[in-house]
Amino acid sequence: MLKGGCFCGKVRYETDGKPFNASLCHCIDCRRVASSPLVAWFSVKREALHYVDAQPKEFASSDKVLRTFCPDCGSPLTYWNADAADDIDVATCSLDDPAAVPPADHVWASRKLQWLHTDDGLPHYPEERPD
């Protein structure tokens, strides 16, 4: 069971789903939403993610994408894309133990900030991961 939540503790979640697609995302939208040079995500089946306290707030960051965040502290929590409607991406660093789901690759590496050095040996995909 993976557990996590926002910075202030208002929104808590858990998932018994098996994590997949653990990535470091360099896309502009993720960077802007998180105010960070990249964001670590992992996916689970949407029905496997359960909020145990307050619900997060949702917003549409594009036509097909809904993101959630804590309405009090603003911590980004999830990313959902209608093109992969059965899956949801969870912000890895919102886990109580982020080391439990290490990244496997870099996605949208073509958007990586030039001053960020990622010599970690992980695969770099210019856009989305080829499945």
C-alpha atoms as a PDB file:
ATOM      1  CA  MET A   1       0.000   0.000   0.000  1.00  0.00           C
ATOM      2  CA  LEU A   2       1.404   3.388  -1.013  1.00  0.00           C
ATOM      3  CA  LYS A   3       0.260   6.390   1.028  1.00  0.00           C
ATOM      4  CA  GLY A   4       0.777  10.084   0.589  1.00  0.00           C
ATOM      5  CA  GLY A   5      -0.744  13.521   0.547  1.00  0.00           C
ATOM      6  CA  CYS A   6      -0.189  17.214   0.369  1.00  0.00           C
ATOM      7  CA  PHE A   7       2.258  19.372   2.332  1.00  0.00           C
ATOM      8  CA  CYS A   8      -0.256  20.553   4.941  1.00  0.00           C
ATOM      9  CA  GLY A   9      -1.827  17.110   5.432  1.00  0.00           C
ATOM     10  CA  LYS A  10      -5.385  18.064   4.530  1.00  0.00           C
ATOM     11  CA  VAL A  11      -5.560  15.811   1.457  1.00  0.00           C
ATOM     12  CA  ARG A  12      -4.410  12.228   2.027  1.00  0.00           C
ATOM     13  CA  TYR A  13      -4.556   9.309  -0.388  1.00  0.00           C
ATOM     14  CA  GLU A  14      -3.618   5.671  -0.637  1.00  0.00           C
ATOM     15  CA  THR A  15      -3.289   3.208  -3.461  1.00  0.00           C
ATOM     16  CA  ASP A  16      -2.973  -0.535  -3.530  1.00  0.00           C
ATOM     17  CA  GLY A  17      -2.429  -0.406  -7.270  1.00  0.00           C
ATOM     18  CA  LYS A  18       0.834  -1.511  -8.822  1.00  0.00           C
ATOM     19  CA  PRO A  19       2.832   1.580  -9.906  1.00  0.00           C
ATOM     20  CA  PHE A  20       3.924   1.841 -13.544  1.00  0.00           C
ATOM     21  CA  ASN A  21       5.348   4.507 -15.886  1.00  0.00           C
ATOM     22  CA  ALA A  22       7.521   6.086 -13.201  1.00  0.00           C
ATOM     23  CA  SER A  23       9.040   9.068 -15.002  1.00  0.00           C
ATOM     24  CA  LEU A  24      10.685  12.424 -14.596  1.00  0.00           C
ATOM     25  CA  CYS A  25       8.699  14.850 -16.740  1.00  0.00           C
ATOM     26  CA  HIS A  26      10.312  17.942 -18.259  1.00  0.00           C
ATOM     27  CA  CYS A  27       7.243  19.319 -20.070  1.00  0.00           C
ATOM     28  CA  ILE A  28       6.464  22.990 -19.745  1.00  0.00           C
ATOM     29  CA  ASP A  29       3.035  22.419 -18.162  1.00  0.00           C
ATOM     30  CA  CYS A  30       4.397  20.207 -15.369  1.00  0.00           C
ATOM     31  CA  ARG A  31       7.225  22.643 -14.687  1.00  0.00           C
ATOM     32  CA  ARG A  32       4.863  25.614 -14.502  1.00  0.00           C
ATOM     33  CA  VAL A  33       2.259  23.862 -12.325  1.00  0.00           C
ATOM     34  CA  ALA A  34       4.901  22.692  -9.848  1.00  0.00           C
ATOM     35  CA  SER A  35       7.273  25.675 -10.157  1.00  0.00           C
ATOM     36  CA  SER A  36      10.031  23.104 -10.514  1.00  0.00           C
ATOM     37  CA  PRO A  37      12.563  22.156 -13.222  1.00  0.00           C
ATOM     38  CA  LEU A  38      10.906  18.717 -13.547  1.00  0.00           C
ATOM     39  CA  VAL A  39       8.249  16.594 -11.860  1.00  0.00           C
ATOM     40  CA  ALA A  40       8.436  12.934 -10.864  1.00  0.00           C
ATOM     41  CA  TRP A  41       5.245  10.971 -11.620  1.00  0.00           C
ATOM     42  CA  PHE A  42       4.093   7.378 -11.467  1.00  0.00           C
ATOM     43  CA  SER A  43       0.864   5.885 -12.752  1.00  0.00           C
ATOM     44  CA  VAL A  44      -1.707   3.610 -11.170  1.00  0.00           C
ATOM     45  CA  LYS A  45      -5.118   2.477 -12.324  1.00  0.00           C
ATOM     46  CA  ARG A  46      -7.557   5.245 -11.538  1.00  0.00           C
ATOM     47  CA  GLU A  47      -9.865   3.006  -9.484  1.00  0.00           C
ATOM     48  CA  ALA A  48      -6.896   2.076  -7.248  1.00  0.00           C
ATOM     49  CA  LEU A  49      -6.376   5.646  -5.957  1.00  0.00           C
ATOM     50  CA  HIS A  50      -8.495   6.532  -2.918  1.00  0.00           C
ATOM     51  CA  TYR A  51      -8.663   9.768  -0.955  1.00  0.00           C
ATOM     52  CA  VAL A  52      -8.934   9.120   2.771  1.00  0.00           C
ATOM     53  CA  ASP A  53      -9.497  12.667   3.991  1.00  0.00           C
ATOM     54  CA  ALA A  54     -10.468  15.815   2.113  1.00  0.00           C
ATOM     55  CA  GLN A  55     -10.814  15.782  -1.667  1.00  0.00           C
ATOM     56  CA  PRO A  56      -8.324  17.741  -3.765  1.00  0.00           C
ATOM     57  CA  LYS A  57      -9.393  20.573  -6.027  1.00  0.00           C
ATOM     58  CA  GLU A  58      -9.390  19.915  -9.794  1.00  0.00           C
ATOM     59  CA  PHE A  59      -8.522  22.159 -12.697  1.00  0.00           C
ATOM     60  CA  ALA A  60      -8.272  21.591 -16.437  1.00  0.00           C
ATOM     61  CA  SER A  61      -4.759  22.406 -17.591  1.00  0.00           C
ATOM     62  CA  SER A  62      -5.730  21.617 -21.189  1.00  0.00           C
ATOM     63  CA  ASP A  63      -8.656  20.199 -23.169  1.00  0.00           C
ATOM     64  CA  LYS A  64      -8.088  16.601 -22.099  1.00  0.00           C
ATOM     65  CA  VAL A  65      -6.128  17.009 -18.859  1.00  0.00           C
ATOM     66  CA  LEU A  66      -7.319  17.391 -15.278  1.00  0.00           C
ATOM     67  CA  ARG A  67      -4.847  18.057 -12.491  1.00  0.00           C
ATOM     68  CA  THR A  68      -5.511  18.067  -8.765  1.00  0.00           C
ATOM     69  CA  PHE A  69      -3.968  19.968  -5.899  1.00  0.00           C
ATOM     70  CA  CYS A  70      -4.641  20.699  -2.251  1.00  0.00           C
ATOM     71  CA  PRO A  71      -7.065  23.628  -1.928  1.00  0.00           C
ATOM     72  CA  ASP A  72      -5.230  24.853   1.197  1.00  0.00           C
ATOM     73  CA  CYS A  73      -1.491  24.494   0.561  1.00  0.00           C
ATOM     74  CA  GLY A  74      -1.505  24.149  -3.238  1.00  0.00           C
ATOM     75  CA  SER A  75       0.548  20.931  -3.429  1.00  0.00           C
ATOM     76  CA  PRO A  76       0.187  19.320  -6.875  1.00  0.00           C
ATOM     77  CA  LEU A  77      -1.102  15.752  -6.495  1.00  0.00           C
ATOM     78  CA  THR A  78      -2.349  14.109  -9.699  1.00  0.00           C
ATOM     79  CA  TYR A  79      -2.510  14.342 -13.476  1.00  0.00           C
ATOM     80  CA  TRP A  80      -5.273  12.644 -15.492  1.00  0.00           C
ATOM     81  CA  ASN A  81      -5.429  12.562 -19.298  1.00  0.00           C
ATOM     82  CA  ALA A  82      -8.658  11.580 -21.078  1.00  0.00           C
ATOM     83  CA  ASP A  83      -6.598   9.722 -23.698  1.00  0.00           C
ATOM     84  CA  ALA A  84      -5.563   7.254 -20.957  1.00  0.00           C
ATOM     85  CA  ALA A  85      -8.763   7.496 -18.945  1.00  0.00           C
ATOM     86  CA  ASP A  86      -8.225   4.334 -16.867  1.00  0.00           C
ATOM     87  CA  ASP A  87      -4.882   5.582 -15.497  1.00  0.00           C
ATOM     88  CA  ILE A  88      -3.935   8.451 -13.230  1.00  0.00           C
ATOM     89  CA  ASP A  89      -0.486   9.888 -12.574  1.00  0.00           C
ATOM     90  CA  VAL A  90       0.474  10.636  -8.985  1.00  0.00           C
ATOM     91  CA  ALA A  91       3.180  13.114  -7.984  1.00  0.00           C
ATOM     92  CA  THR A  92       5.907  10.824  -6.661  1.00  0.00           C
ATOM     93  CA  CYS A  93       7.157  13.326  -4.103  1.00  0.00           C
ATOM     94  CA  SER A  94       3.678  13.517  -2.550  1.00  0.00           C
ATOM     95  CA  LEU A  95       4.251   9.953  -1.304  1.00  0.00           C
ATOM     96  CA  ASP A  96       5.155   9.477   2.335  1.00  0.00           C
ATOM     97  CA  ASP A  97       8.096   7.434   0.997  1.00  0.00           C
ATOM     98  CA  PRO A  98       9.031   8.756  -2.474  1.00  0.00           C
ATOM     99  CA  ALA A  99      11.943   6.299  -2.620  1.00  0.00           C
ATOM    100  CA  ALA A 100       9.374   3.491  -2.947  1.00  0.00           C
ATOM    101  CA  VAL A 101       8.768   4.407  -6.606  1.00  0.00           C
ATOM    102  CA  PRO A 102      12.046   5.471  -8.250  1.00  0.00           C
ATOM    103  CA  PRO A 103      11.909   6.967 -11.752  1.00  0.00           C
ATOM    104  CA  ALA A 104      12.683   4.739 -14.725  1.00  0.00           C
ATOM    105  CA  ASP A 105      13.143   7.412 -17.400  1.00  0.00           C
ATOM    106  CA  HIS A 106      12.855  11.037 -18.481  1.00  0.00           C
ATOM    107  CA  VAL A 107       9.944  12.118 -20.681  1.00  0.00           C
ATOM    108  CA  TRP A 108       9.639  15.340 -22.675  1.00  0.00           C
ATOM    109  CA  ALA A 109      13.428  15.583 -22.450  1.00  0.00           C
ATOM    110  CA  SER A 110      13.357  17.865 -25.509  1.00  0.00           C
ATOM    111  CA  ARG A 111      11.921  20.491 -23.134  1.00  0.00           C
ATOM    112  CA  LYS A 112      14.567  20.012 -20.441  1.00  0.00           C
ATOM    113  CA  LEU A 113      16.056  23.215 -19.089  1.00  0.00           C
ATOM    114  CA  GLN A 114      19.584  23.657 -20.411  1.00  0.00           C
ATOM    115  CA  TRP A 115      21.070  24.259 -16.974  1.00  0.00           C
ATOM    116  CA  LEU A 116      19.645  21.007 -15.567  1.00  0.00           C
ATOM    117  CA  HIS A 117      22.095  18.097 -15.865  1.00  0.00           C
ATOM    118  CA  THR A 118      20.528  14.639 -15.860  1.00  0.00           C
ATOM    119  CA  ASP A 119      23.453  12.247 -16.059  1.00  0.00           C
ATOM    120  CA  ASP A 120      21.633   9.545 -14.130  1.00  0.00           C
ATOM    121  CA  GLY A 121      21.832   6.809 -16.771  1.00  0.00           C
ATOM    122  CA  LEU A 122      18.067   6.679 -17.266  1.00  0.00           C
ATOM    123  CA  PRO A 123      16.598   6.679 -20.791  1.00  0.00           C
ATOM    124  CA  HIS A 124      15.612  10.100 -22.169  1.00  0.00           C
ATOM    125  CA  TYR A 125      12.603  10.335 -24.485  1.00  0.00           C
ATOM    126  CA  PRO A 126      12.209  13.568 -26.491  1.00  0.00           C
ATOM    127  CA  GLU A 127       8.447  13.483 -25.933  1.00  0.00           C
ATOM    128  CA  GLU A 128       6.215  10.812 -24.460  1.00  0.00           C
ATOM    129  CA  ARG A 129       7.500   7.339 -23.703  1.00  0.00           C
ATOM    130  CA  PRO A 130       7.094   5.039 -26.714  1.00  0.00           C
ATOM    131  CA  ASP A 131       4.875   2.178 -25.588  1.00  0.00           C
END
